[in-house]
PDB file of N, CA and C in Angstrom:
ATOM      1  N   MET A   1     218.439 152.687 143.571  1.00  0.00           N
ATOM      2  CA  MET A   1     218.792 153.729 142.552  1.00  0.00           C
ATOM      3  C   MET A   1     217.712 154.747 142.661  1.00  0.00           C
ATOM      4  N   SER A   2     218.197 156.026 142.794  1.00  0.00           N
ATOM      5  CA  SER A   2     217.304 157.144 142.846  1.00  0.00           C
ATOM      6  C   SER A   2     216.829 157.565 141.461  1.00  0.00           C
ATOM      7  N   GLU A   3     215.786 158.360 141.396  1.00  0.00           N
ATOM      8  CA  GLU A   3     215.245 158.776 140.112  1.00  0.00           C
ATOM      9  C   GLU A   3     215.229 160.344 140.097  1.00  0.00           C
ATOM     10  N   ARG A   4     215.372 160.953 138.947  1.00  0.00           N
ATOM     11  CA  ARG A   4     215.257 162.367 138.772  1.00  0.00           C
ATOM     12  C   ARG A   4     214.588 162.680 137.525  1.00  0.00           C
ATOM     13  N   LEU A   5     213.477 163.435 137.570  1.00  0.00           N
ATOM     14  CA  LEU A   5     212.701 163.830 136.386  1.00  0.00           C
ATOM     15  C   LEU A   5     213.544 164.906 135.635  1.00  0.00           C
ATOM     16  N   VAL A   6     213.776 164.680 134.272  1.00  0.00           N
ATOM     17  CA  VAL A   6     214.635 165.503 133.508  1.00  0.00           C
ATOM     18  C   VAL A   6     213.852 166.127 132.443  1.00  0.00           C
ATOM     19  N   HIS A   7     213.888 167.465 132.307  1.00  0.00           N
ATOM     20  CA  HIS A   7     213.304 168.240 131.257  1.00  0.00           C
ATOM     21  C   HIS A   7     214.409 168.944 130.484  1.00  0.00           C
ATOM     22  N   CYS A   8     215.554 169.052 131.039  1.00  0.00           N
ATOM     23  CA  CYS A   8     216.636 169.824 130.380  1.00  0.00           C
ATOM     24  C   CYS A   8     217.967 169.364 130.913  1.00  0.00           C
ATOM     25  N   LEU A   9     219.151 169.804 130.418  1.00  0.00           N
ATOM     26  CA  LEU A   9     220.450 169.445 130.868  1.00  0.00           C
ATOM     27  C   LEU A   9     220.692 169.769 132.302  1.00  0.00           C
ATOM     28  N   GLN A  10     220.168 170.936 132.745  1.00  0.00           N
ATOM     29  CA  GLN A  10     220.375 171.332 134.158  1.00  0.00           C
ATOM     30  C   GLN A  10     219.706 170.344 135.124  1.00  0.00           C
ATOM     31  N   ASP A  11     218.507 169.836 134.795  1.00  0.00           N
ATOM     32  CA  ASP A  11     217.864 168.843 135.587  1.00  0.00           C
ATOM     33  C   ASP A  11     218.703 167.564 135.739  1.00  0.00           C
ATOM     34  N   ALA A  12     219.269 167.124 134.551  1.00  0.00           N
ATOM     35  CA  ALA A  12     220.087 165.950 134.592  1.00  0.00           C
ATOM     36  C   ALA A  12     221.385 166.143 135.485  1.00  0.00           C
ATOM     37  N   LEU A  13     222.011 167.302 135.346  1.00  0.00           N
ATOM     38  CA  LEU A  13     223.206 167.576 136.090  1.00  0.00           C
ATOM     39  C   LEU A  13     222.833 167.667 137.609  1.00  0.00           C
ATOM     40  N   ASP A  14     221.741 168.253 137.957  1.00  0.00           N
ATOM     41  CA  ASP A  14     221.265 168.361 139.322  1.00  0.00           C
ATOM     42  C   ASP A  14     221.034 166.964 139.852  1.00  0.00           C
ATOM     43  N   GLY A  15     220.471 166.052 139.079  1.00  0.00           N
ATOM     44  CA  GLY A  15     220.228 164.695 139.517  1.00  0.00           C
ATOM     45  C   GLY A  15     221.437 163.965 139.782  1.00  0.00           C
ATOM     46  N   LEU A  16     222.474 164.149 138.929  1.00  0.00           N
ATOM     47  CA  LEU A  16     223.787 163.442 139.124  1.00  0.00           C
ATOM     48  C   LEU A  16     224.521 164.062 140.348  1.00  0.00           C
ATOM     49  N   ASP A  17     224.280 165.352 140.658  1.00  0.00           N
ATOM     50  CA  ASP A  17     225.006 165.957 141.775  1.00  0.00           C
ATOM     51  C   ASP A  17     224.349 165.695 143.146  1.00  0.00           C
ATOM     52  N   GLU A  18     223.009 165.364 143.068  1.00  0.00           N
ATOM     53  CA  GLU A  18     222.286 165.118 144.370  1.00  0.00           C
ATOM     54  C   GLU A  18     222.740 164.053 145.186  1.00  0.00           C
ATOM     55  N   THR A  19     223.060 162.909 144.495  1.00  0.00           N
ATOM     56  CA  THR A  19     223.530 161.734 145.220  1.00  0.00           C
ATOM     57  C   THR A  19     224.737 161.121 144.498  1.00  0.00           C
ATOM     58  N   PRO A  20     225.866 161.779 144.612  1.00  0.00           N
ATOM     59  CA  PRO A  20     227.071 161.349 143.845  1.00  0.00           C
ATOM     60  C   PRO A  20     227.604 159.913 144.249  1.00  0.00           C
ATOM     61  N   GLU A  21     227.124 159.366 145.378  1.00  0.00           N
ATOM     62  CA  GLU A  21     227.593 158.092 145.773  1.00  0.00           C
ATOM     63  C   GLU A  21     226.776 156.896 145.220  1.00  0.00           C
ATOM     64  N   GLN A  22     225.609 157.219 144.569  1.00  0.00           N
ATOM     65  CA  GLN A  22     224.824 156.162 143.947  1.00  0.00           C
ATOM     66  C   GLN A  22     224.410 156.477 142.542  1.00  0.00           C
ATOM     67  N   PRO A  23     224.099 155.388 141.832  1.00  0.00           N
ATOM     68  CA  PRO A  23     223.614 155.613 140.489  1.00  0.00           C
ATOM     69  C   PRO A  23     222.196 156.214 140.477  1.00  0.00           C
ATOM     70  N   VAL A  24     221.889 156.923 139.388  1.00  0.00           N
ATOM     71  CA  VAL A  24     220.631 157.615 139.305  1.00  0.00           C
ATOM     72  C   VAL A  24     219.939 157.328 137.918  1.00  0.00           C
ATOM     73  N   ARG A  25     218.620 157.185 137.970  1.00  0.00           N
ATOM     74  CA  ARG A  25     217.812 157.059 136.768  1.00  0.00           C
ATOM     75  C   ARG A  25     217.389 158.437 136.356  1.00  0.00           C
ATOM     76  N   LEU A  26     217.765 158.921 135.201  1.00  0.00           N
ATOM     77  CA  LEU A  26     217.365 160.261 134.699  1.00  0.00           C
ATOM     78  C   LEU A  26     216.213 160.012 133.800  1.00  0.00           C
ATOM     79  N   VAL A  27     215.031 160.325 134.336  1.00  0.00           N
ATOM     80  CA  VAL A  27     213.757 159.907 133.627  1.00  0.00           C
ATOM     81  C   VAL A  27     213.103 161.105 132.982  1.00  0.00           C
ATOM     82  N   SER A  28     212.836 160.917 131.715  1.00  0.00           N
ATOM     83  CA  SER A  28     212.165 161.960 130.938  1.00  0.00           C
ATOM     84  C   SER A  28     210.701 162.186 131.458  1.00  0.00           C
ATOM     85  N   ALA A  29     210.151 163.283 131.025  1.00  0.00           N
ATOM     86  CA  ALA A  29     208.783 163.637 131.267  1.00  0.00           C
ATOM     87  C   ALA A  29     207.934 162.644 130.461  1.00  0.00           C
ATOM     88  N   PRO A  30     206.649 162.426 130.905  1.00  0.00           N
ATOM     89  CA  PRO A  30     205.784 161.555 130.054  1.00  0.00           C
ATOM     90  C   PRO A  30     205.730 162.031 128.709  1.00  0.00           C
ATOM     91  N   SER A  31     205.861 161.094 127.729  1.00  0.00           N
ATOM     92  CA  SER A  31     205.776 161.364 126.268  1.00  0.00           C
ATOM     93  C   SER A  31     206.840 162.268 125.823  1.00  0.00           C
ATOM     94  N   ALA A  32     207.954 162.310 126.482  1.00  0.00           N
ATOM     95  CA  ALA A  32     209.029 163.230 126.044  1.00  0.00           C
ATOM     96  C   ALA A  32     209.576 162.849 124.590  1.00  0.00           C
ATOM     97  N   ALA A  33     209.529 161.590 124.329  1.00  0.00           N
ATOM     98  CA  ALA A  33     210.026 161.204 123.040  1.00  0.00           C
ATOM     99  C   ALA A  33     209.267 161.966 121.950  1.00  0.00           C
ATOM    100  N   ARG A  34     208.024 162.234 122.085  1.00  0.00           N
ATOM    101  CA  ARG A  34     207.121 162.938 121.092  1.00  0.00           C
ATOM    102  C   ARG A  34     207.452 164.417 121.162  1.00  0.00           C
ATOM    103  N   SER A  35     207.525 164.947 122.320  1.00  0.00           N
ATOM    104  CA  SER A  35     207.763 166.445 122.469  1.00  0.00           C
ATOM    105  C   SER A  35     209.220 166.969 122.286  1.00  0.00           C
ATOM    106  N   LEU A  36     210.020 166.329 122.937  1.00  0.00           N
ATOM    107  CA  LEU A  36     211.438 166.662 122.943  1.00  0.00           C
ATOM    108  C   LEU A  36     212.191 165.966 121.806  1.00  0.00           C
ATOM    109  N   GLY A  37     211.696 164.723 121.429  1.00  0.00           N
ATOM    110  CA  GLY A  37     212.370 163.947 120.432  1.00  0.00           C
ATOM    111  C   GLY A  37     213.344 162.973 121.089  1.00  0.00           C
ATOM    112  N   VAL A  38     213.448 161.862 120.431  1.00  0.00           N
ATOM    113  CA  VAL A  38     214.311 160.777 120.945  1.00  0.00           C
ATOM    114  C   VAL A  38     215.782 161.274 121.055  1.00  0.00           C
ATOM    115  N   GLY A  39     216.224 161.847 119.855  1.00  0.00           N
ATOM    116  CA  GLY A  39     217.606 162.366 119.834  1.00  0.00           C
ATOM    117  C   GLY A  39     217.774 163.461 120.823  1.00  0.00           C
ATOM    118  N   GLY A  40     216.867 164.308 121.081  1.00  0.00           N
ATOM    119  CA  GLY A  40     217.005 165.457 122.022  1.00  0.00           C
ATOM    120  C   GLY A  40     217.218 164.995 123.361  1.00  0.00           C
ATOM    121  N   PHE A  41     216.447 163.942 123.828  1.00  0.00           N
ATOM    122  CA  PHE A  41     216.622 163.449 125.158  1.00  0.00           C
ATOM    123  C   PHE A  41     217.926 162.686 125.339  1.00  0.00           C
ATOM    124  N   LEU A  42     218.255 161.907 124.307  1.00  0.00           N
ATOM    125  CA  LEU A  42     219.556 161.211 124.340  1.00  0.00           C
ATOM    126  C   LEU A  42     220.729 162.184 124.308  1.00  0.00           C
ATOM    127  N   ALA A  43     220.630 163.285 123.698  1.00  0.00           N
ATOM    128  CA  ALA A  43     221.669 164.287 123.716  1.00  0.00           C
ATOM    129  C   ALA A  43     221.839 164.933 125.040  1.00  0.00           C
ATOM    130  N   ILE A  44     220.669 165.075 125.754  1.00  0.00           N
ATOM    131  CA  ILE A  44     220.817 165.611 127.156  1.00  0.00           C
ATOM    132  C   ILE A  44     221.541 164.642 128.078  1.00  0.00           C
ATOM    133  N   ILE A  45     221.208 163.386 127.913  1.00  0.00           N
ATOM    134  CA  ILE A  45     221.895 162.341 128.740  1.00  0.00           C
ATOM    135  C   ILE A  45     223.361 162.258 128.438  1.00  0.00           C
ATOM    136  N   ALA A  46     223.721 162.381 127.093  1.00  0.00           N
ATOM    137  CA  ALA A  46     225.137 162.343 126.664  1.00  0.00           C
ATOM    138  C   ALA A  46     225.873 163.496 127.232  1.00  0.00           C
ATOM    139  N   ALA A  47     225.302 164.719 127.194  1.00  0.00           N
ATOM    140  CA  ALA A  47     225.950 165.885 127.680  1.00  0.00           C
ATOM    141  C   ALA A  47     226.061 165.807 129.195  1.00  0.00           C
ATOM    142  N   ALA A  48     225.095 165.254 129.890  1.00  0.00           N
ATOM    143  CA  ALA A  48     225.264 165.060 131.431  1.00  0.00           C
ATOM    144  C   ALA A  48     226.412 164.119 131.722  1.00  0.00           C
ATOM    145  N   ARG A  49     226.483 163.045 130.943  1.00  0.00           N
ATOM    146  CA  ARG A  49     227.525 162.112 131.257  1.00  0.00           C
ATOM    147  C   ARG A  49     228.955 162.744 130.940  1.00  0.00           C
ATOM    148  N   ALA A  50     228.998 163.529 129.885  1.00  0.00           N
ATOM    149  CA  ALA A  50     230.234 164.132 129.535  1.00  0.00           C
ATOM    150  C   ALA A  50     230.683 165.187 130.554  1.00  0.00           C
ATOM    151  N   ALA A  51     229.710 165.832 131.175  1.00  0.00           N
ATOM    152  CA  ALA A  51     229.951 166.825 132.222  1.00  0.00           C
ATOM    153  C   ALA A  51     230.249 166.226 133.595  1.00  0.00           C
ATOM    154  N   ARG A  52     229.788 165.086 133.811  1.00  0.00           N
ATOM    155  CA  ARG A  52     229.989 164.362 135.105  1.00  0.00           C
ATOM    156  C   ARG A  52     230.618 162.986 134.837  1.00  0.00           C
ATOM    157  N   PRO A  53     231.787 162.867 134.334  1.00  0.00           N
ATOM    158  CA  PRO A  53     232.394 161.569 134.020  1.00  0.00           C
ATOM    159  C   PRO A  53     232.540 160.732 135.229  1.00  0.00           C
ATOM    160  N   GLY A  54     232.315 159.463 135.098  1.00  0.00           N
ATOM    161  CA  GLY A  54     232.442 158.589 136.232  1.00  0.00           C
ATOM    162  C   GLY A  54     231.172 158.388 137.076  1.00  0.00           C
ATOM    163  N   ARG A  55     230.188 159.256 136.751  1.00  0.00           N
ATOM    164  CA  ARG A  55     228.890 159.129 137.600  1.00  0.00           C
ATOM    165  C   ARG A  55     227.973 158.098 136.754  1.00  0.00           C
ATOM    166  N   ALA A  56     227.447 157.187 137.573  1.00  0.00           N
ATOM    167  CA  ALA A  56     226.684 156.178 136.969  1.00  0.00           C
ATOM    168  C   ALA A  56     225.226 156.579 136.844  1.00  0.00           C
ATOM    169  N   CYS A  57     224.662 156.493 135.618  1.00  0.00           N
ATOM    170  CA  CYS A  57     223.305 156.859 135.413  1.00  0.00           C
ATOM    171  C   CYS A  57     222.691 156.188 134.308  1.00  0.00           C
ATOM    172  N   LEU A  58     221.304 156.048 134.262  1.00  0.00           N
ATOM    173  CA  LEU A  58     220.614 155.473 133.200  1.00  0.00           C
ATOM    174  C   LEU A  58     219.580 156.556 132.714  1.00  0.00           C
ATOM    175  N   GLY A  59     219.513 156.736 131.405  1.00  0.00           N
ATOM    176  CA  GLY A  59     218.494 157.594 130.889  1.00  0.00           C
ATOM    177  C   GLY A  59     217.223 156.739 130.540  1.00  0.00           C
ATOM    178  N   VAL A  60     216.115 157.156 131.030  1.00  0.00           N
ATOM    179  CA  VAL A  60     214.833 156.481 130.940  1.00  0.00           C
ATOM    180  C   VAL A  60     213.956 157.394 130.039  1.00  0.00           C
ATOM    181  N   LEU A  61     213.691 156.902 128.810  1.00  0.00           N
ATOM    182  CA  LEU A  61     212.990 157.711 127.794  1.00  0.00           C
ATOM    183  C   LEU A  61     211.515 157.282 127.701  1.00  0.00           C
ATOM    184  N   ASP A  62     210.622 158.095 128.059  1.00  0.00           N
ATOM    185  CA  ASP A  62     209.146 157.784 128.019  1.00  0.00           C
ATOM    186  C   ASP A  62     208.655 158.114 126.590  1.00  0.00           C
ATOM    187  N   CYS A  63     208.134 157.068 125.927  1.00  0.00           N
ATOM    188  CA  CYS A  63     207.694 157.159 124.538  1.00  0.00           C
ATOM    189  C   CYS A  63     206.172 157.275 124.501  1.00  0.00           C
ATOM    190  N   GLY A  64     205.509 157.487 125.719  1.00  0.00           N
ATOM    191  CA  GLY A  64     203.966 157.586 125.605  1.00  0.00           C
ATOM    192  C   GLY A  64     203.419 156.282 125.026  1.00  0.00           C
ATOM    193  N   SER A  65     202.482 156.401 124.202  1.00  0.00           N
ATOM    194  CA  SER A  65     201.840 155.299 123.591  1.00  0.00           C
ATOM    195  C   SER A  65     202.237 155.050 122.152  1.00  0.00           C
ATOM    196  N   HIS A  66     203.489 155.538 121.913  1.00  0.00           N
ATOM    197  CA  HIS A  66     203.882 155.446 120.475  1.00  0.00           C
ATOM    198  C   HIS A  66     205.035 154.424 120.237  1.00  0.00           C
ATOM    199  N   PRO A  67     204.679 153.270 119.853  1.00  0.00           N
ATOM    200  CA  PRO A  67     205.666 152.272 119.582  1.00  0.00           C
ATOM    201  C   PRO A  67     206.722 152.522 118.507  1.00  0.00           C
ATOM    202  N   GLY A  68     206.356 153.384 117.600  1.00  0.00           N
ATOM    203  CA  GLY A  68     207.268 153.837 116.559  1.00  0.00           C
ATOM    204  C   GLY A  68     208.443 154.650 117.160  1.00  0.00           C
ATOM    205  N   LEU A  69     208.085 155.436 118.164  1.00  0.00           N
ATOM    206  CA  LEU A  69     209.168 156.240 118.826  1.00  0.00           C
ATOM    207  C   LEU A  69     209.960 155.346 119.693  1.00  0.00           C
ATOM    208  N   ALA A  70     209.341 154.267 120.369  1.00  0.00           N
ATOM    209  CA  ALA A  70     210.115 153.363 121.171  1.00  0.00           C
ATOM    210  C   ALA A  70     211.183 152.583 120.217  1.00  0.00           C
ATOM    211  N   LEU A  71     210.740 152.275 119.046  1.00  0.00           N
ATOM    212  CA  LEU A  71     211.666 151.574 118.055  1.00  0.00           C
ATOM    213  C   LEU A  71     212.797 152.551 117.670  1.00  0.00           C
ATOM    214  N   ALA A  72     212.428 153.849 117.493  1.00  0.00           N
ATOM    215  CA  ALA A  72     213.538 154.727 117.146  1.00  0.00           C
ATOM    216  C   ALA A  72     214.509 154.894 118.323  1.00  0.00           C
ATOM    217  N   ALA A  73     214.012 154.784 119.541  1.00  0.00           N
ATOM    218  CA  ALA A  73     214.857 154.878 120.750  1.00  0.00           C
ATOM    219  C   ALA A  73     215.766 153.640 120.775  1.00  0.00           C
ATOM    220  N   VAL A  74     215.201 152.530 120.345  1.00  0.00           N
ATOM    221  CA  VAL A  74     216.034 151.289 120.263  1.00  0.00           C
ATOM    222  C   VAL A  74     217.190 151.471 119.287  1.00  0.00           C
ATOM    223  N   ARG A  75     216.846 151.925 118.082  1.00  0.00           N
ATOM    224  CA  ARG A  75     217.762 152.209 117.073  1.00  0.00           C
ATOM    225  C   ARG A  75     218.929 153.209 117.476  1.00  0.00           C
ATOM    226  N   LEU A  76     218.506 154.147 118.220  1.00  0.00           N
ATOM    227  CA  LEU A  76     219.524 155.175 118.637  1.00  0.00           C
ATOM    228  C   LEU A  76     220.189 154.826 119.973  1.00  0.00           C
ATOM    229  N   GLY A  77     219.845 153.726 120.599  1.00  0.00           N
ATOM    230  CA  GLY A  77     220.661 153.278 121.661  1.00  0.00           C
ATOM    231  C   GLY A  77     220.218 153.720 123.034  1.00  0.00           C
ATOM    232  N   ALA A  78     218.928 153.943 123.307  1.00  0.00           N
ATOM    233  CA  ALA A  78     218.471 154.433 124.597  1.00  0.00           C
ATOM    234  C   ALA A  78     218.913 153.352 125.658  1.00  0.00           C
ATOM    235  N   ASP A  79     218.995 153.904 126.951  1.00  0.00           N
ATOM    236  CA  ASP A  79     219.277 153.010 128.007  1.00  0.00           C
ATOM    237  C   ASP A  79     218.097 152.179 128.471  1.00  0.00           C
ATOM    238  N   VAL A  80     217.021 152.868 128.685  1.00  0.00           N
ATOM    239  CA  VAL A  80     215.784 152.209 129.099  1.00  0.00           C
ATOM    240  C   VAL A  80     214.603 153.021 128.403  1.00  0.00           C
ATOM    241  N   ILE A  81     213.623 152.235 127.994  1.00  0.00           N
ATOM    242  CA  ILE A  81     212.436 152.801 127.272  1.00  0.00           C
ATOM    243  C   ILE A  81     211.201 152.561 128.127  1.00  0.00           C
ATOM    244  N   ARG A  82     210.334 153.535 128.196  1.00  0.00           N
ATOM    245  CA  ARG A  82     209.026 153.414 128.821  1.00  0.00           C
ATOM    246  C   ARG A  82     207.985 153.499 127.685  1.00  0.00           C
ATOM    247  N   LEU A  83     207.054 152.645 127.725  1.00  0.00           N
ATOM    248  CA  LEU A  83     205.996 152.515 126.663  1.00  0.00           C
ATOM    249  C   LEU A  83     204.698 152.066 127.194  1.00  0.00           C
ATOM    250  N   ALA A  84     203.651 152.847 126.952  1.00  0.00           N
ATOM    251  CA  ALA A  84     202.330 152.552 127.365  1.00  0.00           C
ATOM    252  C   ALA A  84     201.617 151.935 126.180  1.00  0.00           C
ATOM    253  N   ALA A  85     201.509 150.649 125.976  1.00  0.00           N
ATOM    254  CA  ALA A  85     200.938 150.055 124.807  1.00  0.00           C
ATOM    255  C   ALA A  85     200.163 148.830 125.214  1.00  0.00           C
ATOM    256  N   ALA A  86     199.348 148.352 124.298  1.00  0.00           N
ATOM    257  CA  ALA A  86     198.596 147.108 124.461  1.00  0.00           C
ATOM    258  C   ALA A  86     199.693 146.004 124.753  1.00  0.00           C
ATOM    259  N   PRO A  87     199.292 145.028 125.532  1.00  0.00           N
ATOM    260  CA  PRO A  87     200.262 143.973 125.935  1.00  0.00           C
ATOM    261  C   PRO A  87     201.000 143.308 124.746  1.00  0.00           C
ATOM    262  N   ASP A  88     200.239 143.026 123.636  1.00  0.00           N
ATOM    263  CA  ASP A  88     200.943 142.426 122.461  1.00  0.00           C
ATOM    264  C   ASP A  88     201.891 143.287 121.797  1.00  0.00           C
ATOM    265  N   ILE A  89     201.614 144.563 121.708  1.00  0.00           N
ATOM    266  CA  ILE A  89     202.616 145.574 121.149  1.00  0.00           C
ATOM    267  C   ILE A  89     203.723 145.686 122.044  1.00  0.00           C
ATOM    268  N   LEU A  90     203.440 145.840 123.372  1.00  0.00           N
ATOM    269  CA  LEU A  90     204.534 146.022 124.326  1.00  0.00           C
ATOM    270  C   LEU A  90     205.552 144.818 124.251  1.00  0.00           C
ATOM    271  N   GLU A  91     204.985 143.595 124.097  1.00  0.00           N
ATOM    272  CA  GLU A  91     205.799 142.386 124.077  1.00  0.00           C
ATOM    273  C   GLU A  91     206.653 142.417 122.808  1.00  0.00           C
ATOM    274  N   LYS A  92     206.083 142.795 121.658  1.00  0.00           N
ATOM    275  CA  LYS A  92     206.893 142.857 120.440  1.00  0.00           C
ATOM    276  C   LYS A  92     208.071 143.855 120.608  1.00  0.00           C
ATOM    277  N   VAL A  93     207.789 145.031 121.129  1.00  0.00           N
ATOM    278  CA  VAL A  93     208.771 146.022 121.273  1.00  0.00           C
ATOM    279  C   VAL A  93     209.882 145.496 122.232  1.00  0.00           C
ATOM    280  N   ARG A  94     209.401 144.882 123.318  1.00  0.00           N
ATOM    281  CA  ARG A  94     210.407 144.293 124.272  1.00  0.00           C
ATOM    282  C   ARG A  94     211.319 143.232 123.624  1.00  0.00           C
ATOM    283  N   GLN A  95     210.752 142.397 122.728  1.00  0.00           N
ATOM    284  CA  GLN A  95     211.561 141.470 122.073  1.00  0.00           C
ATOM    285  C   GLN A  95     212.613 142.105 121.212  1.00  0.00           C
ATOM    286  N   ILE A  96     212.216 143.121 120.489  1.00  0.00           N
ATOM    287  CA  ILE A  96     213.128 143.852 119.500  1.00  0.00           C
ATOM    288  C   ILE A  96     214.184 144.505 120.328  1.00  0.00           C
ATOM    289  N   ALA A  97     213.774 145.201 121.454  1.00  0.00           N
ATOM    290  CA  ALA A  97     214.754 145.893 122.278  1.00  0.00           C
ATOM    291  C   ALA A  97     215.699 145.035 123.011  1.00  0.00           C
ATOM    292  N   ALA A  98     215.254 143.814 123.322  1.00  0.00           N
ATOM    293  CA  ALA A  98     216.084 142.825 124.052  1.00  0.00           C
ATOM    294  C   ALA A  98     217.279 142.375 123.262  1.00  0.00           C
ATOM    295  N   GLN A  99     217.127 142.447 121.862  1.00  0.00           N
ATOM    296  CA  GLN A  99     218.208 142.111 120.992  1.00  0.00           C
ATOM    297  C   GLN A  99     219.423 143.067 121.185  1.00  0.00           C
ATOM    298  N   ARG A 100     219.129 144.232 121.625  1.00  0.00           N
ATOM    299  CA  ARG A 100     220.171 145.206 121.888  1.00  0.00           C
ATOM    300  C   ARG A 100     220.428 145.465 123.345  1.00  0.00           C
ATOM    301  N   GLY A 101     219.784 144.569 124.169  1.00  0.00           N
ATOM    302  CA  GLY A 101     219.996 144.682 125.692  1.00  0.00           C
ATOM    303  C   GLY A 101     219.380 145.893 126.277  1.00  0.00           C
ATOM    304  N   ILE A 102     218.263 146.379 125.664  1.00  0.00           N
ATOM    305  CA  ILE A 102     217.585 147.556 126.131  1.00  0.00           C
ATOM    306  C   ILE A 102     216.176 147.172 126.856  1.00  0.00           C
ATOM    307  N   PRO A 103     216.102 147.449 128.153  1.00  0.00           N
ATOM    308  CA  PRO A 103     214.834 147.098 128.712  1.00  0.00           C
ATOM    309  C   PRO A 103     213.731 148.037 128.350  1.00  0.00           C
ATOM    310  N   VAL A 104     212.515 147.515 128.256  1.00  0.00           N
ATOM    311  CA  VAL A 104     211.316 148.282 127.992  1.00  0.00           C
ATOM    312  C   VAL A 104     210.436 148.081 129.168  1.00  0.00           C
ATOM    313  N   GLU A 105     209.963 149.179 129.807  1.00  0.00           N
ATOM    314  CA  GLU A 105     209.114 149.066 130.949  1.00  0.00           C
ATOM    315  C   GLU A 105     207.740 149.897 130.669  1.00  0.00           C
ATOM    316  N   SER A 106     206.832 149.466 131.399  1.00  0.00           N
ATOM    317  CA  SER A 106     205.472 150.195 131.389  1.00  0.00           C
ATOM    318  C   SER A 106     205.700 151.372 132.346  1.00  0.00           C
ATOM    319  N   PRO A 107     204.912 152.528 132.027  1.00  0.00           N
ATOM    320  CA  PRO A 107     204.995 153.646 132.929  1.00  0.00           C
ATOM    321  C   PRO A 107     204.423 153.312 134.226  1.00  0.00           C
ATOM    322  N   PRO A 108     204.839 154.062 135.280  1.00  0.00           N
ATOM    323  CA  PRO A 108     204.269 153.829 136.655  1.00  0.00           C
ATOM    324  C   PRO A 108     202.716 153.977 136.618  1.00  0.00           C
ATOM    325  N   LEU A 109     202.037 153.352 137.488  1.00  0.00           N
ATOM    326  CA  LEU A 109     200.547 153.417 137.481  1.00  0.00           C
ATOM    327  C   LEU A 109     200.061 154.860 137.538  1.00  0.00           C
ATOM    328  N   SER A 110     200.759 155.699 138.257  1.00  0.00           N
ATOM    329  CA  SER A 110     200.352 157.138 138.378  1.00  0.00           C
ATOM    330  C   SER A 110     200.373 157.930 136.985  1.00  0.00           C
ATOM    331  N   GLN A 111     201.050 157.369 136.103  1.00  0.00           N
ATOM    332  CA  GLN A 111     201.217 157.983 134.778  1.00  0.00           C
ATOM    333  C   GLN A 111     200.307 157.351 133.658  1.00  0.00           C
ATOM    334  N   GLN A 112     199.842 156.152 133.997  1.00  0.00           N
ATOM    335  CA  GLN A 112     199.014 155.482 133.001  1.00  0.00           C
ATOM    336  C   GLN A 112     197.686 156.172 132.839  1.00  0.00           C
ATOM    337  N   GLY A 113     197.285 156.255 131.594  1.00  0.00           N
ATOM    338  CA  GLY A 113     196.073 157.044 131.319  1.00  0.00           C
ATOM    339  C   GLY A 113     196.279 158.518 131.051  1.00  0.00           C
ATOM    340  N   SER A 114     197.596 158.929 131.106  1.00  0.00           N
ATOM    341  CA  SER A 114     197.989 160.271 130.789  1.00  0.00           C
ATOM    342  C   SER A 114     197.729 160.561 129.294  1.00  0.00           C
ATOM    343  N   PRO A 115     197.550 161.781 128.862  1.00  0.00           N
ATOM    344  CA  PRO A 115     197.409 161.979 127.395  1.00  0.00           C
ATOM    345  C   PRO A 115     198.706 161.589 126.668  1.00  0.00           C
ATOM    346  N   PRO A 116     198.593 161.137 125.438  1.00  0.00           N
ATOM    347  CA  PRO A 116     199.721 160.757 124.658  1.00  0.00           C
ATOM    348  C   PRO A 116     200.725 161.737 124.343  1.00  0.00           C
TER     349      PRO A 116
END
């Protein structure tokens, strides 16, 4: 599955158009849940899906080091959540998200240690 960094709707559409034959992960910028907002990112993903029906994609929302934003993303039905948190907090958020079938992943090593 390919990945595309998404800052806006056009980025998401470009990502969906790049490889129409395979699913794509539409990945937010680091800590986008804080800057763009959980609802803002989810709205971009919803608009992209509406504009390209039948295209398989997953929206990956980066919540930085903010477990509260990750829980808001669970409540609002994010596809995948990224969270940079202490192992015990990460595990608790994973358990809560798993009840809704939402995976929670750590950010890639290249992003760890980025500002929140």
